[in-house]
Structure formats: structure tokens, C-alpha cells
Amino acid sequence: MDDNTMKEIEITAAPLALHQLLKFENLVGSGGEAKHVIAAGLVAVNGAVETRKNKKIHAGDVIEFGGQQYRVRIQGDKPNGT
């Protein structure tokens, strides 16, 4: 997947726990669902399957979930190339 099809997630501060990110971005319906999909190995961080719900997510990390990639950035930071 190239950067043109990658979506961006803006967070106000880093680091943020993986399960919180999924919930806050409405990628899952609840915190419980976030914890379930992470434990089931359905989420990858920077290309590696992540099963720790409290994995700290930082600006620049790439999250893969549901067939989509998301690049994390801090709110107000300009994306690369702009």
C-alpha cells in the first residue's frame, strides 16, 4: 500500500495507547471491542502484529486494521511533502 491510499490519524498528544486510538478514531464500536481485536491479532503497528492493548503509539507510526493503513501524526503538524 502506498502513501496515496494511506489515511491519516491526528492525535493531540503522544504517546497514546493503541486501544484508545482505535476507540477515539471510531475504528471500533467500544473500548472492549478495541481490546478484543488487538488480542485477536487483527491490528499491526509498523508492519508487526501487535497484541498489547497498551502499546504506546507515537507520531509517525503506521497502524494497520481492517484492510486499511493509517499514519499517526500530532494535530497541527504538517504531513510530509506539504
PDB file of N, CA and C in Angstrom:
ATOM      1  N   MET A   1       0.850  -1.168   0.000  1.00  0.00           N
ATOM      2  CA  MET A   1       0.000   0.000   0.000  1.00  0.00           C
ATOM      3  C   MET A   1       0.895   1.229   0.000  1.00  0.00           C
ATOM      4  N   ASP A   2       0.596   2.201  -0.859  1.00  0.00           N
ATOM      5  CA  ASP A   2       1.451   3.378  -0.923  1.00  0.00           C
ATOM      6  C   ASP A   2       0.858   4.516  -0.098  1.00  0.00           C
ATOM      7  N   ASP A   3       1.636   5.601   0.042  1.00  0.00           N
ATOM      8  CA  ASP A   3       1.213   6.719   0.878  1.00  0.00           C
ATOM      9  C   ASP A   3      -0.039   7.405   0.359  1.00  0.00           C
ATOM     10  N   ASN A   4      -0.359   7.274  -0.955  1.00  0.00           N
ATOM     11  CA  ASN A   4      -1.539   7.924  -1.508  1.00  0.00           C
ATOM     12  C   ASN A   4      -2.831   7.290  -1.014  1.00  0.00           C
ATOM     13  N   THR A   5      -2.805   6.027  -0.609  1.00  0.00           N
ATOM     14  CA  THR A   5      -4.009   5.364  -0.122  1.00  0.00           C
ATOM     15  C   THR A   5      -4.018   5.247   1.399  1.00  0.00           C
ATOM     16  N   MET A   6      -2.974   5.732   2.031  1.00  0.00           N
ATOM     17  CA  MET A   6      -2.887   5.674   3.489  1.00  0.00           C
ATOM     18  C   MET A   6      -3.654   6.851   4.085  1.00  0.00           C
ATOM     19  N   LYS A   7      -4.501   6.572   5.050  1.00  0.00           N
ATOM     20  CA  LYS A   7      -5.241   7.625   5.736  1.00  0.00           C
ATOM     21  C   LYS A   7      -4.404   8.144   6.892  1.00  0.00           C
ATOM     22  N   GLU A   8      -4.737   9.348   7.342  1.00  0.00           N
ATOM     23  CA  GLU A   8      -4.015   9.925   8.471  1.00  0.00           C
ATOM     24  C   GLU A   8      -4.909  10.002   9.689  1.00  0.00           C
ATOM     25  N   ILE A   9      -4.311   9.754  10.837  1.00  0.00           N
ATOM     26  CA  ILE A   9      -4.978   9.919  12.122  1.00  0.00           C
ATOM     27  C   ILE A   9      -4.239  11.026  12.854  1.00  0.00           C
ATOM     28  N   GLU A  10      -4.973  12.047  13.284  1.00  0.00           N
ATOM     29  CA  GLU A  10      -4.377  13.124  14.059  1.00  0.00           C
ATOM     30  C   GLU A  10      -4.686  12.912  15.535  1.00  0.00           C
ATOM     31  N   ILE A  11      -3.650  12.975  16.343  1.00  0.00           N
ATOM     32  CA  ILE A  11      -3.840  12.896  17.792  1.00  0.00           C
ATOM     33  C   ILE A  11      -3.337  14.195  18.407  1.00  0.00           C
ATOM     34  N   THR A  12      -3.871  14.544  19.564  1.00  0.00           N
ATOM     35  CA  THR A  12      -3.484  15.810  20.189  1.00  0.00           C
ATOM     36  C   THR A  12      -2.195  15.699  20.983  1.00  0.00           C
ATOM     37  N   ALA A  13      -1.873  14.488  21.428  1.00  0.00           N
ATOM     38  CA  ALA A  13      -0.644  14.281  22.192  1.00  0.00           C
ATOM     39  C   ALA A  13      -0.200  12.836  22.037  1.00  0.00           C
ATOM     40  N   ALA A  14       1.089  12.643  22.091  1.00  0.00           N
ATOM     41  CA  ALA A  14       1.641  11.285  22.023  1.00  0.00           C
ATOM     42  C   ALA A  14       2.477  11.078  23.272  1.00  0.00           C
ATOM     43  N   PRO A  15       2.652   9.872  23.737  1.00  0.00           N
ATOM     44  CA  PRO A  15       2.080   8.656  23.158  1.00  0.00           C
ATOM     45  C   PRO A  15       0.640   8.434  23.606  1.00  0.00           C
ATOM     46  N   LEU A  16      -0.049   7.572  22.861  1.00  0.00           N
ATOM     47  CA  LEU A  16      -1.430   7.202  23.146  1.00  0.00           C
ATOM     48  C   LEU A  16      -1.519   5.685  23.064  1.00  0.00           C
ATOM     49  N   ALA A  17      -2.240   5.068  23.989  1.00  0.00           N
ATOM     50  CA  ALA A  17      -2.377   3.607  23.988  1.00  0.00           C
ATOM     51  C   ALA A  17      -3.143   3.160  22.744  1.00  0.00           C
ATOM     52  N   LEU A  18      -2.724   2.043  22.168  1.00  0.00           N
ATOM     53  CA  LEU A  18      -3.324   1.529  20.938  1.00  0.00           C
ATOM     54  C   LEU A  18      -4.831   1.362  21.063  1.00  0.00           C
ATOM     55  N   HIS A  19      -5.307   0.773  22.158  1.00  0.00           N
ATOM     56  CA  HIS A  19      -6.758   0.566  22.281  1.00  0.00           C
ATOM     57  C   HIS A  19      -7.517   1.889  22.343  1.00  0.00           C
ATOM     58  N   GLN A  20      -6.915   2.916  22.922  1.00  0.00           N
ATOM     59  CA  GLN A  20      -7.549   4.231  22.972  1.00  0.00           C
ATOM     60  C   GLN A  20      -7.620   4.846  21.579  1.00  0.00           C
ATOM     61  N   LEU A  21      -6.564   4.680  20.813  1.00  0.00           N
ATOM     62  CA  LEU A  21      -6.536   5.217  19.455  1.00  0.00           C
ATOM     63  C   LEU A  21      -7.650   4.614  18.607  1.00  0.00           C
ATOM     64  N   LEU A  22      -7.798   3.299  18.655  1.00  0.00           N
ATOM     65  CA  LEU A  22      -8.848   2.640  17.874  1.00  0.00           C
ATOM     66  C   LEU A  22     -10.230   3.138  18.285  1.00  0.00           C
ATOM     67  N   LYS A  23     -10.434   3.315  19.573  1.00  0.00           N
ATOM     68  CA  LYS A  23     -11.730   3.781  20.074  1.00  0.00           C
ATOM     69  C   LYS A  23     -11.970   5.245  19.711  1.00  0.00           C
ATOM     70  N   PHE A  24     -11.008   6.113  19.967  1.00  0.00           N
ATOM     71  CA  PHE A  24     -11.174   7.543  19.709  1.00  0.00           C
ATOM     72  C   PHE A  24     -11.400   7.838  18.232  1.00  0.00           C
ATOM     73  N   GLU A  25     -10.808   7.023  17.360  1.00  0.00           N
ATOM     74  CA  GLU A  25     -10.954   7.236  15.917  1.00  0.00           C
ATOM     75  C   GLU A  25     -12.166   6.507  15.340  1.00  0.00           C
ATOM     76  N   ASN A  26     -12.966   5.903  16.217  1.00  0.00           N
ATOM     77  CA  ASN A  26     -14.178   5.182  15.806  1.00  0.00           C
ATOM     78  C   ASN A  26     -13.891   4.063  14.812  1.00  0.00           C
ATOM     79  N   LEU A  27     -12.729   3.438  14.947  1.00  0.00           N
ATOM     80  CA  LEU A  27     -12.401   2.276  14.119  1.00  0.00           C
ATOM     81  C   LEU A  27     -13.048   1.026  14.698  1.00  0.00           C
ATOM     82  N   VAL A  28     -13.469   1.117  15.955  1.00  0.00           N
ATOM     83  CA  VAL A  28     -14.204   0.050  16.642  1.00  0.00           C
ATOM     84  C   VAL A  28     -15.367   0.705  17.381  1.00  0.00           C
ATOM     85  N   GLY A  29     -16.323  -0.104  17.805  1.00  0.00           N
ATOM     86  CA  GLY A  29     -17.509   0.430  18.456  1.00  0.00           C
ATOM     87  C   GLY A  29     -17.345   0.751  19.929  1.00  0.00           C
ATOM     88  N   SER A  30     -16.343   0.151  20.577  1.00  0.00           N
ATOM     89  CA  SER A  30     -16.170   0.358  22.020  1.00  0.00           C
ATOM     90  C   SER A  30     -14.747   0.025  22.433  1.00  0.00           C
ATOM     91  N   GLY A  31     -14.418   0.392  23.660  1.00  0.00           N
ATOM     92  CA  GLY A  31     -13.111   0.037  24.199  1.00  0.00           C
ATOM     93  C   GLY A  31     -12.945  -1.464  24.326  1.00  0.00           C
ATOM     94  N   GLY A  32     -14.022  -2.147  24.683  1.00  0.00           N
ATOM     95  CA  GLY A  32     -13.978  -3.607  24.783  1.00  0.00           C
ATOM     96  C   GLY A  32     -13.704  -4.256  23.442  1.00  0.00           C
ATOM     97  N   GLU A  33     -14.328  -3.718  22.397  1.00  0.00           N
ATOM     98  CA  GLU A  33     -14.077  -4.250  21.056  1.00  0.00           C
ATOM     99  C   GLU A  33     -12.635  -3.989  20.640  1.00  0.00           C
ATOM    100  N   ALA A  34     -12.117  -2.813  20.988  1.00  0.00           N
ATOM    101  CA  ALA A  34     -10.723  -2.489  20.672  1.00  0.00           C
ATOM    102  C   ALA A  34      -9.788  -3.508  21.311  1.00  0.00           C
ATOM    103  N   LYS A  35     -10.006  -3.794  22.582  1.00  0.00           N
ATOM    104  CA  LYS A  35      -9.166  -4.764  23.283  1.00  0.00           C
ATOM    105  C   LYS A  35      -9.278  -6.147  22.653  1.00  0.00           C
ATOM    106  N   HIS A  36     -10.477  -6.515  22.214  1.00  0.00           N
ATOM    107  CA  HIS A  36     -10.692  -7.828  21.595  1.00  0.00           C
ATOM    108  C   HIS A  36      -9.942  -7.948  20.266  1.00  0.00           C
ATOM    109  N   VAL A  37     -10.070  -6.950  19.385  1.00  0.00           N
ATOM    110  CA  VAL A  37      -9.419  -7.065  18.071  1.00  0.00           C
ATOM    111  C   VAL A  37      -7.900  -7.038  18.202  1.00  0.00           C
ATOM    112  N   ILE A  38      -7.400  -6.301  19.194  1.00  0.00           N
ATOM    113  CA  ILE A  38      -5.950  -6.280  19.431  1.00  0.00           C
ATOM    114  C   ILE A  38      -5.492  -7.647  19.929  1.00  0.00           C
ATOM    115  N   ALA A  39      -6.177  -8.195  20.929  1.00  0.00           N
ATOM    116  CA  ALA A  39      -5.805  -9.505  21.484  1.00  0.00           C
ATOM    117  C   ALA A  39      -5.901 -10.607  20.437  1.00  0.00           C
ATOM    118  N   ALA A  40      -6.817 -10.456  19.482  1.00  0.00           N
ATOM    119  CA  ALA A  40      -7.002 -11.455  18.428  1.00  0.00           C
ATOM    120  C   ALA A  40      -5.954 -11.342  17.323  1.00  0.00           C
ATOM    121  N   GLY A  41      -5.072 -10.345  17.417  1.00  0.00           N
ATOM    122  CA  GLY A  41      -4.016 -10.191  16.418  1.00  0.00           C
ATOM    123  C   GLY A  41      -4.478  -9.555  15.125  1.00  0.00           C
ATOM    124  N   LEU A  42      -5.538  -8.764  15.187  1.00  0.00           N
ATOM    125  CA  LEU A  42      -6.092  -8.147  13.982  1.00  0.00           C
ATOM    126  C   LEU A  42      -5.541  -6.756  13.702  1.00  0.00           C
ATOM    127  N   VAL A  43      -4.611  -6.295  14.542  1.00  0.00           N
ATOM    128  CA  VAL A  43      -4.038  -4.959  14.401  1.00  0.00           C
ATOM    129  C   VAL A  43      -2.520  -5.084  14.289  1.00  0.00           C
ATOM    130  N   ALA A  44      -1.945  -4.317  13.365  1.00  0.00           N
ATOM    131  CA  ALA A  44      -0.484  -4.278  13.228  1.00  0.00           C
ATOM    132  C   ALA A  44      -0.004  -2.845  13.437  1.00  0.00           C
ATOM    133  N   VAL A  45       1.174  -2.715  14.020  1.00  0.00           N
ATOM    134  CA  VAL A  45       1.817  -1.420  14.215  1.00  0.00           C
ATOM    135  C   VAL A  45       3.172  -1.484  13.539  1.00  0.00           C
ATOM    136  N   ASN A  46       3.390  -0.601  12.589  1.00  0.00           N
ATOM    137  CA  ASN A  46       4.648  -0.548  11.840  1.00  0.00           C
ATOM    138  C   ASN A  46       5.002  -1.902  11.231  1.00  0.00           C
ATOM    139  N   GLY A  47       3.974  -2.583  10.713  1.00  0.00           N
ATOM    140  CA  GLY A  47       4.186  -3.835   9.994  1.00  0.00           C
ATOM    141  C   GLY A  47       4.236  -5.089  10.835  1.00  0.00           C
ATOM    142  N   ALA A  48       4.142  -4.961  12.157  1.00  0.00           N
ATOM    143  CA  ALA A  48       4.195  -6.132  13.040  1.00  0.00           C
ATOM    144  C   ALA A  48       2.883  -6.266  13.807  1.00  0.00           C
ATOM    145  N   VAL A  49       2.341  -7.484  13.851  1.00  0.00           N
ATOM    146  CA  VAL A  49       1.113  -7.723  14.610  1.00  0.00           C
ATOM    147  C   VAL A  49       1.348  -7.327  16.061  1.00  0.00           C
ATOM    148  N   GLU A  50       0.396  -6.581  16.612  1.00  0.00           N
ATOM    149  CA  GLU A  50       0.513  -6.093  17.986  1.00  0.00           C
ATOM    150  C   GLU A  50      -0.648  -6.628  18.816  1.00  0.00           C
ATOM    151  N   THR A  51      -0.335  -7.303  19.914  1.00  0.00           N
ATOM    152  CA  THR A  51      -1.377  -7.867  20.775  1.00  0.00           C
ATOM    153  C   THR A  51      -1.426  -7.197  22.149  1.00  0.00           C
ATOM    154  N   ARG A  52      -0.642  -6.147  22.328  1.00  0.00           N
ATOM    155  CA  ARG A  52      -0.656  -5.418  23.607  1.00  0.00           C
ATOM    156  C   ARG A  52      -1.580  -4.208  23.483  1.00  0.00           C
ATOM    157  N   LYS A  53      -2.655  -4.199  24.251  1.00  0.00           N
ATOM    158  CA  LYS A  53      -3.626  -3.104  24.163  1.00  0.00           C
ATOM    159  C   LYS A  53      -3.018  -1.764  24.573  1.00  0.00           C
ATOM    160  N   ASN A  54      -2.033  -1.789  25.456  1.00  0.00           N
ATOM    161  CA  ASN A  54      -1.426  -0.553  25.937  1.00  0.00           C
ATOM    162  C   ASN A  54      -0.173  -0.147  25.167  1.00  0.00           C
ATOM    163  N   LYS A  55       0.081  -0.771  24.028  1.00  0.00           N
ATOM    164  CA  LYS A  55       1.217  -0.389  23.185  1.00  0.00           C
ATOM    165  C   LYS A  55       1.137   1.108  22.930  1.00  0.00           C
ATOM    166  N   LYS A  56       2.195   1.821  23.215  1.00  0.00           N
ATOM    167  CA  LYS A  56       2.210   3.269  23.043  1.00  0.00           C
ATOM    168  C   LYS A  56       2.408   3.621  21.572  1.00  0.00           C
ATOM    169  N   ILE A  57       1.522   4.461  21.068  1.00  0.00           N
ATOM    170  CA  ILE A  57       1.550   4.885  19.676  1.00  0.00           C
ATOM    171  C   ILE A  57       2.087   6.306  19.617  1.00  0.00           C
ATOM    172  N   HIS A  58       3.035   6.518  18.706  1.00  0.00           N
ATOM    173  CA  HIS A  58       3.708   7.803  18.561  1.00  0.00           C
ATOM    174  C   HIS A  58       3.474   8.359  17.161  1.00  0.00           C
ATOM    175  N   ALA A  59       3.721   9.649  17.003  1.00  0.00           N
ATOM    176  CA  ALA A  59       3.642  10.270  15.686  1.00  0.00           C
ATOM    177  C   ALA A  59       4.580   9.536  14.736  1.00  0.00           C
ATOM    178  N   GLY A  60       4.101   9.273  13.528  1.00  0.00           N
ATOM    179  CA  GLY A  60       4.893   8.563  12.532  1.00  0.00           C
ATOM    180  C   GLY A  60       4.607   7.077  12.475  1.00  0.00           C
ATOM    181  N   ASP A  61       3.983   6.521  13.515  1.00  0.00           N
ATOM    182  CA  ASP A  61       3.633   5.100  13.500  1.00  0.00           C
ATOM    183  C   ASP A  61       2.569   4.837  12.438  1.00  0.00           C
ATOM    184  N   VAL A  62       2.593   3.641  11.883  1.00  0.00           N
ATOM    185  CA  VAL A  62       1.594   3.216  10.902  1.00  0.00           C
ATOM    186  C   VAL A  62       0.798   2.070  11.513  1.00  0.00           C
ATOM    187  N   ILE A  63      -0.500   2.265  11.591  1.00  0.00           N
ATOM    188  CA  ILE A  63      -1.423   1.271  12.143  1.00  0.00           C
ATOM    189  C   ILE A  63      -2.136   0.599  10.978  1.00  0.00           C
ATOM    190  N   GLU A  64      -2.241  -0.716  11.015  1.00  0.00           N
ATOM    191  CA  GLU A  64      -2.995  -1.459  10.006  1.00  0.00           C
ATOM    192  C   GLU A  64      -4.147  -2.170  10.698  1.00  0.00           C
ATOM    193  N   PHE A  65      -5.354  -1.930  10.180  1.00  0.00           N
ATOM    194  CA  PHE A  65      -6.543  -2.552  10.758  1.00  0.00           C
ATOM    195  C   PHE A  65      -7.660  -2.545   9.722  1.00  0.00           C
ATOM    196  N   GLY A  66      -8.343  -3.649   9.598  1.00  0.00           N
ATOM    197  CA  GLY A  66      -9.485  -3.732   8.694  1.00  0.00           C
ATOM    198  C   GLY A  66      -9.138  -3.493   7.238  1.00  0.00           C
ATOM    199  N   GLY A  67      -7.929  -3.893   6.829  1.00  0.00           N
ATOM    200  CA  GLY A  67      -7.524  -3.726   5.442  1.00  0.00           C
ATOM    201  C   GLY A  67      -7.096  -2.319   5.074  1.00  0.00           C
ATOM    202  N   GLN A  68      -6.950  -1.454   6.042  1.00  0.00           N
ATOM    203  CA  GLN A  68      -6.565  -0.062   5.804  1.00  0.00           C
ATOM    204  C   GLN A  68      -5.332   0.281   6.629  1.00  0.00           C
ATOM    205  N   GLN A  69      -4.507   1.179   6.096  1.00  0.00           N
ATOM    206  CA  GLN A  69      -3.352   1.683   6.839  1.00  0.00           C
ATOM    207  C   GLN A  69      -3.618   3.122   7.252  1.00  0.00           C
ATOM    208  N   TYR A  70      -3.139   3.461   8.443  1.00  0.00           N
ATOM    209  CA  TYR A  70      -3.308   4.802   8.993  1.00  0.00           C
ATOM    210  C   TYR A  70      -1.962   5.286   9.520  1.00  0.00           C
ATOM    211  N   ARG A  71      -1.542   6.468   9.094  1.00  0.00           N
ATOM    212  CA  ARG A  71      -0.321   7.071   9.634  1.00  0.00           C
ATOM    213  C   ARG A  71      -0.734   8.048  10.734  1.00  0.00           C
ATOM    214  N   VAL A  72      -0.066   7.951  11.872  1.00  0.00           N
ATOM    215  CA  VAL A  72      -0.391   8.783  13.027  1.00  0.00           C
ATOM    216  C   VAL A  72       0.464  10.042  12.992  1.00  0.00           C
ATOM    217  N   ARG A  73      -0.177  11.171  13.251  1.00  0.00           N
ATOM    218  CA  ARG A  73       0.571  12.420  13.381  1.00  0.00           C
ATOM    219  C   ARG A  73      -0.049  13.275  14.470  1.00  0.00           C
ATOM    220  N   ILE A  74       0.754  14.189  14.988  1.00  0.00           N
ATOM    221  CA  ILE A  74       0.291  15.098  16.026  1.00  0.00           C
ATOM    222  C   ILE A  74      -0.519  16.205  15.367  1.00  0.00           C
ATOM    223  N   GLN A  75      -1.652  16.538  15.961  1.00  0.00           N
ATOM    224  CA  GLN A  75      -2.505  17.583  15.422  1.00  0.00           C
ATOM    225  C   GLN A  75      -1.706  18.868  15.265  1.00  0.00           C
ATOM    226  N   GLY A  76      -1.810  19.483  14.094  1.00  0.00           N
ATOM    227  CA  GLY A  76      -1.090  20.716  13.820  1.00  0.00           C
ATOM    228  C   GLY A  76       0.210  20.507  13.064  1.00  0.00           C
ATOM    229  N   ASP A  77       0.787  19.299  13.127  1.00  0.00           N
ATOM    230  CA  ASP A  77       1.986  19.001  12.344  1.00  0.00           C
ATOM    231  C   ASP A  77       1.590  18.850  10.887  1.00  0.00           C
ATOM    232  N   LYS A  78       2.430  19.350   9.993  1.00  0.00           N
ATOM    233  CA  LYS A  78       2.153  19.209   8.570  1.00  0.00           C
ATOM    234  C   LYS A  78       2.564  17.827   8.096  1.00  0.00           C
ATOM    235  N   PRO A  79       1.740  17.225   7.224  1.00  0.00           N
ATOM    236  CA  PRO A  79       2.132  15.931   6.647  1.00  0.00           C
ATOM    237  C   PRO A  79       3.384  16.091   5.795  1.00  0.00           C
ATOM    238  N   ASN A  80       4.127  14.998   5.618  1.00  0.00           N
ATOM    239  CA  ASN A  80       5.314  15.025   4.764  1.00  0.00           C
ATOM    240  C   ASN A  80       4.931  15.452   3.362  1.00  0.00           C
ATOM    241  N   GLY A  81       5.767  16.283   2.745  1.00  0.00           N
ATOM    242  CA  GLY A  81       5.548  16.690   1.366  1.00  0.00           C
ATOM    243  C   GLY A  81       4.651  17.903   1.213  1.00  0.00           C
ATOM    244  N   THR A  82       4.287  18.572   2.313  1.00  0.00           N
ATOM    245  CA  THR A  82       3.447  19.766   2.184  1.00  0.00           C
ATOM    246  C   THR A  82       4.133  20.958   2.782  1.00  0.00           C
TER     247      THR A  82
END
